[in-house]
């Protein structure tokens, strides 16, 4: 019993004399759990900035989410100007603008497609009505021909319900009135057909323009999406893109076969440089 008390006393004294570990704050940018194993957070700021300049914009955004210490060099304007050619805030605004423009132009193109579909239906109905009116007028003309074998067609186009023959004048109110009504109905239907066809032609022009702008916006987003994954100094397609956009503008202003072939040729080259296999750059 005495021995046990002595052992307890010795352990108590040794414990009290053991120096306590003092908790010191970790240096700025160094995680407490990795103090013994240095990470990228411990690298000098200049070295981190130089490292970030080697990355593409997408990698920079991912790099900035690792820690607060790495966010500072990853968002420096100097880094973004060399990696992308624009500051981060301007690059973000540009991406959002291009995506919103693409969505708006898609909606506009969809509206134009709906209008064209309705115009096509209307033209079909008018053509069907014109066919019925034509058949009705043809039947009336056939009855007149059977009743007056020597009636002249130009006489039937007179406003009066009178048919002239070589020797006599015959008055047949029922048949001539039917012809007058049928001819007026057919003329009115033909006028409606022309109006519907003109509306369809105008809608097709609007649809072509809307689809062109939709394709242009999708192309810009596709090029921008690819560019965000490549550092600025590695973008070998910039000169070809500039030539392609110039040729595209020329073709838009002057729609000729030569201009289209130039746009097609540059579009193939640009598609090859960007790695786009579905030839989205070819309208």
C-alpha atoms as a PDB file:
ATOM      1  CA  UNK A   1       0.000   0.000   0.000  1.00  0.00           C
ATOM      2  CA  UNK A   2       2.839   2.363   0.832  1.00  0.00           C
ATOM      3  CA  UNK A   3       4.588   1.368  -2.387  1.00  0.00           C
ATOM      4  CA  UNK A   4       1.547   2.173  -4.454  1.00  0.00           C
ATOM      5  CA  UNK A   5       1.249   5.599  -2.814  1.00  0.00           C
ATOM      6  CA  UNK A   6       4.871   6.376  -3.638  1.00  0.00           C
ATOM      7  CA  UNK A   7       4.370   5.392  -7.303  1.00  0.00           C
ATOM      8  CA  UNK A   8       1.314   7.591  -7.586  1.00  0.00           C
ATOM      9  CA  UNK A   9       3.215  10.500  -6.016  1.00  0.00           C
ATOM     10  CA  UNK A  10       6.146  10.089  -8.441  1.00  0.00           C
ATOM     11  CA  UNK A  11       3.805  10.008 -11.452  1.00  0.00           C
ATOM     12  CA  UNK A  12       1.979  13.093 -10.184  1.00  0.00           C
ATOM     13  CA  UNK A  13       5.199  15.054  -9.720  1.00  0.00           C
ATOM     14  CA  UNK A  14       6.573  14.040 -13.109  1.00  0.00           C
ATOM     15  CA  UNK A  15       3.343  15.034 -14.778  1.00  0.00           C
ATOM     16  CA  UNK A  16       3.306  18.416 -13.115  1.00  0.00           C
ATOM     17  CA  UNK A  17       6.885  19.142 -14.108  1.00  0.00           C
ATOM     18  CA  UNK A  18       6.384  18.146 -17.758  1.00  0.00           C
ATOM     19  CA  UNK A  19       6.464  21.346 -19.830  1.00  0.00           C
ATOM     20  CA  UNK A  20       3.149  22.033 -21.570  1.00  0.00           C
ATOM     21  CA  UNK A  21       3.089  22.305 -25.323  1.00  0.00           C
ATOM     22  CA  UNK A  22       2.400  25.834 -26.381  1.00  0.00           C
ATOM     23  CA  UNK A  23      -0.011  26.300 -29.313  1.00  0.00           C
ATOM     24  CA  UNK A  24       1.407  28.752 -31.806  1.00  0.00           C
ATOM     25  CA  UNK A  25      -0.502  30.133 -34.775  1.00  0.00           C
ATOM     26  CA  UNK A  26       0.406  28.671 -38.122  1.00  0.00           C
ATOM     27  CA  UNK A  27       1.982  31.009 -40.651  1.00  0.00           C
ATOM     28  CA  UNK A  28      -0.382  32.696 -43.067  1.00  0.00           C
ATOM     29  CA  UNK A  29      -1.284  30.355 -45.882  1.00  0.00           C
ATOM     30  CA  UNK A  30      -0.074  27.189 -44.112  1.00  0.00           C
ATOM     31  CA  UNK A  31      -2.670  24.723 -42.883  1.00  0.00           C
ATOM     32  CA  UNK A  32      -2.150  23.505 -39.305  1.00  0.00           C
ATOM     33  CA  UNK A  33      -2.429  19.858 -40.274  1.00  0.00           C
ATOM     34  CA  UNK A  34       0.186  20.187 -43.035  1.00  0.00           C
ATOM     35  CA  UNK A  35       2.835  22.181 -41.182  1.00  0.00           C
ATOM     36  CA  UNK A  36       5.264  19.339 -41.507  1.00  0.00           C
ATOM     37  CA  UNK A  37       4.461  18.758 -45.207  1.00  0.00           C
ATOM     38  CA  UNK A  38       4.658  22.027 -47.176  1.00  0.00           C
ATOM     39  CA  UNK A  39       1.983  22.519 -49.869  1.00  0.00           C
ATOM     40  CA  UNK A  40       1.503  25.024 -52.673  1.00  0.00           C
ATOM     41  CA  UNK A  41       0.096  27.453 -50.122  1.00  0.00           C
ATOM     42  CA  UNK A  42       3.612  27.866 -48.743  1.00  0.00           C
ATOM     43  CA  UNK A  43       5.125  28.920 -52.070  1.00  0.00           C
ATOM     44  CA  UNK A  44       6.056  32.581 -52.564  1.00  0.00           C
ATOM     45  CA  UNK A  45       3.449  34.803 -54.152  1.00  0.00           C
ATOM     46  CA  UNK A  46       5.637  35.588 -57.165  1.00  0.00           C
ATOM     47  CA  UNK A  47       6.102  31.883 -57.880  1.00  0.00           C
ATOM     48  CA  UNK A  48       2.365  31.251 -57.587  1.00  0.00           C
ATOM     49  CA  UNK A  49       1.637  34.091 -60.012  1.00  0.00           C
ATOM     50  CA  UNK A  50       4.145  32.681 -62.476  1.00  0.00           C
ATOM     51  CA  UNK A  51       2.564  29.249 -62.132  1.00  0.00           C
ATOM     52  CA  UNK A  52      -0.925  30.632 -62.691  1.00  0.00           C
ATOM     53  CA  UNK A  53       0.191  32.301 -65.909  1.00  0.00           C
ATOM     54  CA  UNK A  54       0.774  28.831 -67.363  1.00  0.00           C
ATOM     55  CA  UNK A  55      -2.863  27.815 -66.844  1.00  0.00           C
ATOM     56  CA  UNK A  56      -5.953  28.295 -68.972  1.00  0.00           C
ATOM     57  CA  UNK A  57      -8.984  30.249 -67.690  1.00  0.00           C
ATOM     58  CA  UNK A  58     -10.953  27.139 -66.679  1.00  0.00           C
ATOM     59  CA  UNK A  59      -7.992  25.795 -64.701  1.00  0.00           C
ATOM     60  CA  UNK A  60      -7.541  29.200 -63.066  1.00  0.00           C
ATOM     61  CA  UNK A  61     -11.127  29.154 -61.826  1.00  0.00           C
ATOM     62  CA  UNK A  62     -10.649  25.663 -60.406  1.00  0.00           C
ATOM     63  CA  UNK A  63      -7.302  26.657 -58.922  1.00  0.00           C
ATOM     64  CA  UNK A  64      -8.845  29.623 -57.117  1.00  0.00           C
ATOM     65  CA  UNK A  65     -11.342  27.336 -55.349  1.00  0.00           C
ATOM     66  CA  UNK A  66      -8.654  25.239 -53.664  1.00  0.00           C
ATOM     67  CA  UNK A  67      -8.025  27.668 -50.818  1.00  0.00           C
ATOM     68  CA  UNK A  68      -8.154  31.330 -49.941  1.00  0.00           C
ATOM     69  CA  UNK A  69      -4.382  31.587 -50.228  1.00  0.00           C
ATOM     70  CA  UNK A  70      -4.449  30.353 -53.837  1.00  0.00           C
ATOM     71  CA  UNK A  71      -7.406  32.511 -54.795  1.00  0.00           C
ATOM     72  CA  UNK A  72      -5.348  35.702 -54.562  1.00  0.00           C
ATOM     73  CA  UNK A  73      -2.750  34.875 -57.262  1.00  0.00           C
ATOM     74  CA  UNK A  74      -5.347  33.104 -59.434  1.00  0.00           C
ATOM     75  CA  UNK A  75      -7.495  36.233 -59.726  1.00  0.00           C
ATOM     76  CA  UNK A  76      -4.779  38.799 -60.384  1.00  0.00           C
ATOM     77  CA  UNK A  77      -5.445  40.868 -63.524  1.00  0.00           C
ATOM     78  CA  UNK A  78      -1.866  40.295 -64.670  1.00  0.00           C
ATOM     79  CA  UNK A  79      -2.488  36.541 -64.701  1.00  0.00           C
ATOM     80  CA  UNK A  80      -5.766  36.755 -66.590  1.00  0.00           C
ATOM     81  CA  UNK A  81      -4.423  39.188 -69.168  1.00  0.00           C
ATOM     82  CA  UNK A  82      -1.645  36.764 -70.037  1.00  0.00           C
ATOM     83  CA  UNK A  83      -3.754  33.600 -69.778  1.00  0.00           C
ATOM     84  CA  UNK A  84      -6.888  34.826 -71.558  1.00  0.00           C
ATOM     85  CA  UNK A  85      -6.302  38.336 -72.847  1.00  0.00           C
ATOM     86  CA  UNK A  86      -9.011  39.863 -70.614  1.00  0.00           C
ATOM     87  CA  UNK A  87      -9.461  40.545 -66.924  1.00  0.00           C
ATOM     88  CA  UNK A  88     -11.470  37.962 -65.036  1.00  0.00           C
ATOM     89  CA  UNK A  89     -14.443  40.248 -64.422  1.00  0.00           C
ATOM     90  CA  UNK A  90     -14.608  41.216 -68.086  1.00  0.00           C
ATOM     91  CA  UNK A  91     -14.176  37.587 -69.173  1.00  0.00           C
ATOM     92  CA  UNK A  92     -17.039  36.515 -66.911  1.00  0.00           C
ATOM     93  CA  UNK A  93     -19.302  39.256 -68.270  1.00  0.00           C
ATOM     94  CA  UNK A  94     -18.372  38.257 -71.815  1.00  0.00           C
ATOM     95  CA  UNK A  95     -19.248  34.598 -71.219  1.00  0.00           C
ATOM     96  CA  UNK A  96     -22.606  35.468 -69.635  1.00  0.00           C
ATOM     97  CA  UNK A  97     -23.388  37.865 -72.483  1.00  0.00           C
ATOM     98  CA  UNK A  98     -22.622  35.271 -75.169  1.00  0.00           C
ATOM     99  CA  UNK A  99     -24.689  32.580 -73.440  1.00  0.00           C
ATOM    100  CA  UNK A 100     -27.669  34.929 -72.948  1.00  0.00           C
ATOM    101  CA  UNK A 101     -27.457  36.055 -76.567  1.00  0.00           C
ATOM    102  CA  UNK A 102     -27.432  32.444 -77.734  1.00  0.00           C
ATOM    103  CA  UNK A 103     -30.524  31.624 -75.670  1.00  0.00           C
ATOM    104  CA  UNK A 104     -32.386  34.709 -76.937  1.00  0.00           C
ATOM    105  CA  UNK A 105     -31.560  33.908 -80.544  1.00  0.00           C
ATOM    106  CA  UNK A 106     -32.655  30.308 -80.062  1.00  0.00           C
ATOM    107  CA  UNK A 107     -36.001  31.530 -78.752  1.00  0.00           C
ATOM    108  CA  UNK A 108     -36.310  33.937 -81.679  1.00  0.00           C
ATOM    109  CA  UNK A 109     -35.570  31.184 -84.174  1.00  0.00           C
ATOM    110  CA  UNK A 110     -38.118  28.905 -82.516  1.00  0.00           C
ATOM    111  CA  UNK A 111     -40.768  31.628 -82.781  1.00  0.00           C
ATOM    112  CA  UNK A 112     -39.955  32.075 -86.480  1.00  0.00           C
ATOM    113  CA  UNK A 113     -40.262  28.318 -87.026  1.00  0.00           C
ATOM    114  CA  UNK A 114     -43.704  28.374 -85.438  1.00  0.00           C
ATOM    115  CA  UNK A 115     -44.734  31.299 -87.663  1.00  0.00           C
ATOM    116  CA  UNK A 116     -43.498  29.499 -90.788  1.00  0.00           C
ATOM    117  CA  UNK A 117     -45.359  26.356 -89.770  1.00  0.00           C
ATOM    118  CA  UNK A 118     -48.580  28.339 -89.368  1.00  0.00           C
ATOM    119  CA  UNK A 119     -48.019  30.129 -92.698  1.00  0.00           C
ATOM    120  CA  UNK A 120     -47.459  26.797 -94.471  1.00  0.00           C
ATOM    121  CA  UNK A 121     -50.731  25.488 -93.034  1.00  0.00           C
ATOM    122  CA  UNK A 122     -52.538  28.635 -94.172  1.00  0.00           C
ATOM    123  CA  UNK A 123     -51.123  28.363 -97.700  1.00  0.00           C
ATOM    124  CA  UNK A 124     -52.204  24.727 -97.871  1.00  0.00           C
ATOM    125  CA  UNK A 125     -55.748  25.639 -96.828  1.00  0.00           C
ATOM    126  CA  UNK A 126     -55.909  28.441 -99.391  1.00  0.00           C
ATOM    127  CA  UNK A 127     -54.678  26.151-102.160  1.00  0.00           C
ATOM    128  CA  UNK A 128     -57.323  23.580-101.190  1.00  0.00           C
ATOM    129  CA  UNK A 129     -60.004  26.293-101.285  1.00  0.00           C
ATOM    130  CA  UNK A 130     -58.721  27.489-104.660  1.00  0.00           C
ATOM    131  CA  UNK A 131     -58.885  23.957-106.004  1.00  0.00           C
ATOM    132  CA  UNK A 132     -62.516  23.635-104.881  1.00  0.00           C
ATOM    133  CA  UNK A 133     -63.393  27.022-106.427  1.00  0.00           C
ATOM    134  CA  UNK A 134     -61.636  26.020-109.648  1.00  0.00           C
ATOM    135  CA  UNK A 135     -63.587  22.768-109.835  1.00  0.00           C
ATOM    136  CA  UNK A 136     -66.837  24.636-109.206  1.00  0.00           C
ATOM    137  CA  UNK A 137     -66.092  27.175-111.948  1.00  0.00           C
ATOM    138  CA  UNK A 138     -65.064  24.393-114.334  1.00  0.00           C
ATOM    139  CA  UNK A 139     -68.357  22.559-113.742  1.00  0.00           C
ATOM    140  CA  UNK A 140     -70.317  25.739-114.365  1.00  0.00           C
ATOM    141  CA  UNK A 141     -68.365  26.384-117.555  1.00  0.00           C
ATOM    142  CA  UNK A 142     -69.037  22.814-118.680  1.00  0.00           C
ATOM    143  CA  UNK A 143     -72.799  23.273-118.171  1.00  0.00           C
ATOM    144  CA  UNK A 144     -72.653  26.532-120.147  1.00  0.00           C
ATOM    145  CA  UNK A 145     -70.737  24.848-122.929  1.00  0.00           C
ATOM    146  CA  UNK A 146     -73.330  22.081-123.114  1.00  0.00           C
ATOM    147  CA  UNK A 147     -76.183  24.608-123.124  1.00  0.00           C
ATOM    148  CA  UNK A 148     -74.567  27.008-125.608  1.00  0.00           C
ATOM    149  CA  UNK A 149     -72.230  25.082-127.857  1.00  0.00           C
ATOM    150  CA  UNK A 150     -71.170  28.198-129.752  1.00  0.00           C
ATOM    151  CA  UNK A 151     -70.601  30.433-126.725  1.00  0.00           C
ATOM    152  CA  UNK A 152     -67.270  32.229-126.698  1.00  0.00           C
ATOM    153  CA  UNK A 153     -65.134  32.241-123.547  1.00  0.00           C
ATOM    154  CA  UNK A 154     -64.576  35.994-123.738  1.00  0.00           C
ATOM    155  CA  UNK A 155     -68.335  36.513-123.744  1.00  0.00           C
ATOM    156  CA  UNK A 156     -68.571  34.658-120.444  1.00  0.00           C
ATOM    157  CA  UNK A 157     -66.240  37.192-118.831  1.00  0.00           C
ATOM    158  CA  UNK A 158     -68.721  40.019-119.390  1.00  0.00           C
ATOM    159  CA  UNK A 159     -70.181  41.603-116.292  1.00  0.00           C
ATOM    160  CA  UNK A 160     -73.776  41.073-117.579  1.00  0.00           C
ATOM    161  CA  UNK A 161     -75.352  37.675-117.269  1.00  0.00           C
ATOM    162  CA  UNK A 162     -75.714  37.464-121.021  1.00  0.00           C
ATOM    163  CA  UNK A 163     -74.178  35.086-123.545  1.00  0.00           C
ATOM    164  CA  UNK A 164     -73.867  36.119-127.171  1.00  0.00           C
ATOM    165  CA  UNK A 165     -73.938  33.697-130.066  1.00  0.00           C
ATOM    166  CA  UNK A 166     -73.308  34.219-133.731  1.00  0.00           C
ATOM    167  CA  UNK A 167     -76.933  34.749-134.663  1.00  0.00           C
ATOM    168  CA  UNK A 168     -79.051  34.978-131.546  1.00  0.00           C
ATOM    169  CA  UNK A 169     -78.863  36.276-127.999  1.00  0.00           C
ATOM    170  CA  UNK A 170     -79.738  33.827-125.235  1.00  0.00           C
ATOM    171  CA  UNK A 171     -80.503  34.863-121.724  1.00  0.00           C
ATOM    172  CA  UNK A 172     -79.937  32.145-119.167  1.00  0.00           C
ATOM    173  CA  UNK A 173     -79.889  33.836-115.787  1.00  0.00           C
ATOM    174  CA  UNK A 174     -79.211  30.774-113.689  1.00  0.00           C
ATOM    175  CA  UNK A 175     -76.185  29.479-115.558  1.00  0.00           C
ATOM    176  CA  UNK A 176     -74.601  32.855-116.213  1.00  0.00           C
ATOM    177  CA  UNK A 177     -75.088  33.913-112.607  1.00  0.00           C
ATOM    178  CA  UNK A 178     -73.483  30.679-111.466  1.00  0.00           C
ATOM    179  CA  UNK A 179     -70.529  31.383-113.723  1.00  0.00           C
ATOM    180  CA  UNK A 180     -70.240  34.948-112.490  1.00  0.00           C
ATOM    181  CA  UNK A 181     -70.323  33.798-108.877  1.00  0.00           C
ATOM    182  CA  UNK A 182     -67.887  30.974-109.485  1.00  0.00           C
ATOM    183  CA  UNK A 183     -65.449  33.203-111.364  1.00  0.00           C
ATOM    184  CA  UNK A 184     -65.547  35.895-108.661  1.00  0.00           C
ATOM    185  CA  UNK A 185     -65.076  33.284-105.946  1.00  0.00           C
ATOM    186  CA  UNK A 186     -62.124  31.790-107.781  1.00  0.00           C
ATOM    187  CA  UNK A 187     -60.533  35.219-108.285  1.00  0.00           C
ATOM    188  CA  UNK A 188     -60.996  36.045-104.613  1.00  0.00           C
ATOM    189  CA  UNK A 189     -59.489  32.733-103.552  1.00  0.00           C
ATOM    190  CA  UNK A 190     -56.522  33.262-105.869  1.00  0.00           C
ATOM    191  CA  UNK A 191     -55.973  36.648-104.264  1.00  0.00           C
ATOM    192  CA  UNK A 192     -56.029  35.010-100.828  1.00  0.00           C
ATOM    193  CA  UNK A 193     -53.546  32.406-102.045  1.00  0.00           C
ATOM    194  CA  UNK A 194     -51.167  35.112-103.233  1.00  0.00           C
ATOM    195  CA  UNK A 195     -51.498  36.928 -99.893  1.00  0.00           C
ATOM    196  CA  UNK A 196     -50.806  33.715 -97.959  1.00  0.00           C
ATOM    197  CA  UNK A 197     -47.854  32.878-100.212  1.00  0.00           C
ATOM    198  CA  UNK A 198     -46.374  36.349 -99.739  1.00  0.00           C
ATOM    199  CA  UNK A 199     -46.759  35.971 -95.966  1.00  0.00           C
ATOM    200  CA  UNK A 200     -45.003  32.593 -96.153  1.00  0.00           C
ATOM    201  CA  UNK A 201     -42.162  34.076 -98.219  1.00  0.00           C
ATOM    202  CA  UNK A 202     -41.683  36.878 -95.690  1.00  0.00           C
ATOM    203  CA  UNK A 203     -41.751  34.366 -92.833  1.00  0.00           C
ATOM    204  CA  UNK A 204     -39.143  32.228 -94.590  1.00  0.00           C
ATOM    205  CA  UNK A 205     -36.854  35.242 -94.948  1.00  0.00           C
ATOM    206  CA  UNK A 206     -37.245  36.028 -91.245  1.00  0.00           C
ATOM    207  CA  UNK A 207     -36.606  32.371 -90.399  1.00  0.00           C
ATOM    208  CA  UNK A 208     -33.430  32.260 -92.464  1.00  0.00           C
ATOM    209  CA  UNK A 209     -32.121  35.391 -90.764  1.00  0.00           C
ATOM    210  CA  UNK A 210     -33.101  34.070 -87.331  1.00  0.00           C
ATOM    211  CA  UNK A 211     -31.431  30.704 -87.981  1.00  0.00           C
ATOM    212  CA  UNK A 212     -28.304  32.460 -89.225  1.00  0.00           C
ATOM    213  CA  UNK A 213     -28.091  34.579 -86.072  1.00  0.00           C
ATOM    214  CA  UNK A 214     -28.818  31.494 -83.959  1.00  0.00           C
ATOM    215  CA  UNK A 215     -26.011  29.600 -85.681  1.00  0.00           C
ATOM    216  CA  UNK A 216     -23.683  32.596 -85.304  1.00  0.00           C
ATOM    217  CA  UNK A 217     -24.338  32.822 -81.552  1.00  0.00           C
ATOM    218  CA  UNK A 218     -23.899  29.063 -81.065  1.00  0.00           C
ATOM    219  CA  UNK A 219     -20.644  29.243 -83.015  1.00  0.00           C
ATOM    220  CA  UNK A 220     -19.329  32.089 -80.858  1.00  0.00           C
ATOM    221  CA  UNK A 221     -20.176  30.164 -77.694  1.00  0.00           C
ATOM    222  CA  UNK A 222     -18.528  27.027 -79.095  1.00  0.00           C
ATOM    223  CA  UNK A 223     -15.323  28.902 -79.929  1.00  0.00           C
ATOM    224  CA  UNK A 224     -15.373  30.677 -76.563  1.00  0.00           C
ATOM    225  CA  UNK A 225     -15.930  27.393 -74.704  1.00  0.00           C
ATOM    226  CA  UNK A 226     -12.917  25.872 -76.424  1.00  0.00           C
ATOM    227  CA  UNK A 227     -10.803  29.001 -75.927  1.00  0.00           C
ATOM    228  CA  UNK A 228     -11.432  28.996 -72.170  1.00  0.00           C
ATOM    229  CA  UNK A 229      -9.670  25.638 -71.960  1.00  0.00           C
ATOM    230  CA  UNK A 230      -6.534  26.771 -73.795  1.00  0.00           C
ATOM    231  CA  UNK A 231      -4.005  29.397 -72.664  1.00  0.00           C
ATOM    232  CA  UNK A 232      -3.782  32.478 -74.841  1.00  0.00           C
ATOM    233  CA  UNK A 233      -0.283  31.739 -76.139  1.00  0.00           C
ATOM    234  CA  UNK A 234      -1.409  28.271 -77.314  1.00  0.00           C
ATOM    235  CA  UNK A 235      -4.379  29.523 -79.346  1.00  0.00           C
ATOM    236  CA  UNK A 236      -3.013  28.883 -82.800  1.00  0.00           C
ATOM    237  CA  UNK A 237      -6.348  29.446 -84.512  1.00  0.00           C
ATOM    238  CA  UNK A 238      -6.700  33.183 -83.830  1.00  0.00           C
ATOM    239  CA  UNK A 239      -5.488  34.288 -87.268  1.00  0.00           C
ATOM    240  CA  UNK A 240      -7.693  31.735 -89.030  1.00  0.00           C
ATOM    241  CA  UNK A 241     -10.649  32.808 -86.908  1.00  0.00           C
ATOM    242  CA  UNK A 242     -10.079  36.428 -87.885  1.00  0.00           C
ATOM    243  CA  UNK A 243      -9.970  35.520 -91.590  1.00  0.00           C
ATOM    244  CA  UNK A 244     -13.057  33.330 -91.226  1.00  0.00           C
ATOM    245  CA  UNK A 245     -15.076  36.090 -89.542  1.00  0.00           C
ATOM    246  CA  UNK A 246     -14.048  38.566 -92.255  1.00  0.00           C
ATOM    247  CA  UNK A 247     -15.074  36.132 -94.989  1.00  0.00           C
ATOM    248  CA  UNK A 248     -18.327  35.435 -93.157  1.00  0.00           C
ATOM    249  CA  UNK A 249     -19.143  39.129 -93.018  1.00  0.00           C
ATOM    250  CA  UNK A 250     -18.364  39.477 -96.727  1.00  0.00           C
ATOM    251  CA  UNK A 251     -20.600  36.539 -97.585  1.00  0.00           C
ATOM    252  CA  UNK A 252     -23.422  37.982 -95.458  1.00  0.00           C
ATOM    253  CA  UNK A 253     -23.224  41.280 -97.321  1.00  0.00           C
ATOM    254  CA  UNK A 254     -22.808  39.663-100.761  1.00  0.00           C
ATOM    255  CA  UNK A 255     -24.262  36.165-101.086  1.00  0.00           C
ATOM    256  CA  UNK A 256     -22.256  34.715-103.984  1.00  0.00           C
ATOM    257  CA  UNK A 257     -20.869  31.245-104.600  1.00  0.00           C
ATOM    258  CA  UNK A 258     -17.262  32.475-104.412  1.00  0.00           C
ATOM    259  CA  UNK A 259     -17.823  34.093-101.010  1.00  0.00           C
ATOM    260  CA  UNK A 260     -19.581  30.990 -99.714  1.00  0.00           C
ATOM    261  CA  UNK A 261     -16.735  28.731-100.872  1.00  0.00           C
ATOM    262  CA  UNK A 262     -14.244  30.965 -99.060  1.00  0.00           C
ATOM    263  CA  UNK A 263     -16.303  30.801 -95.862  1.00  0.00           C
ATOM    264  CA  UNK A 264     -16.555  27.019 -96.236  1.00  0.00           C
ATOM    265  CA  UNK A 265     -12.805  26.618 -96.767  1.00  0.00           C
ATOM    266  CA  UNK A 266     -11.876  28.748 -93.749  1.00  0.00           C
ATOM    267  CA  UNK A 267     -14.592  27.080 -91.693  1.00  0.00           C
ATOM    268  CA  UNK A 268     -13.073  23.655 -92.364  1.00  0.00           C
ATOM    269  CA  UNK A 269      -9.629  24.896 -91.338  1.00  0.00           C
ATOM    270  CA  UNK A 270     -10.964  26.529 -88.189  1.00  0.00           C
ATOM    271  CA  UNK A 271     -12.979  23.424 -87.302  1.00  0.00           C
ATOM    272  CA  UNK A 272      -9.838  21.331 -87.661  1.00  0.00           C
ATOM    273  CA  UNK A 273      -7.851  23.697 -85.424  1.00  0.00           C
ATOM    274  CA  UNK A 274     -10.575  23.737 -82.777  1.00  0.00           C
ATOM    275  CA  UNK A 275     -11.167  19.993 -82.954  1.00  0.00           C
ATOM    276  CA  UNK A 276     -14.851  20.421 -83.865  1.00  0.00           C
ATOM    277  CA  UNK A 277     -15.842  17.273 -85.701  1.00  0.00           C
ATOM    278  CA  UNK A 278     -19.483  18.090 -86.499  1.00  0.00           C
ATOM    279  CA  UNK A 279     -18.514  21.161 -88.605  1.00  0.00           C
ATOM    280  CA  UNK A 280     -20.657  23.494 -86.544  1.00  0.00           C
ATOM    281  CA  UNK A 281     -18.765  26.399 -88.128  1.00  0.00           C
ATOM    282  CA  UNK A 282     -20.265  25.578 -91.517  1.00  0.00           C
ATOM    283  CA  UNK A 283     -23.640  27.260 -92.039  1.00  0.00           C
END
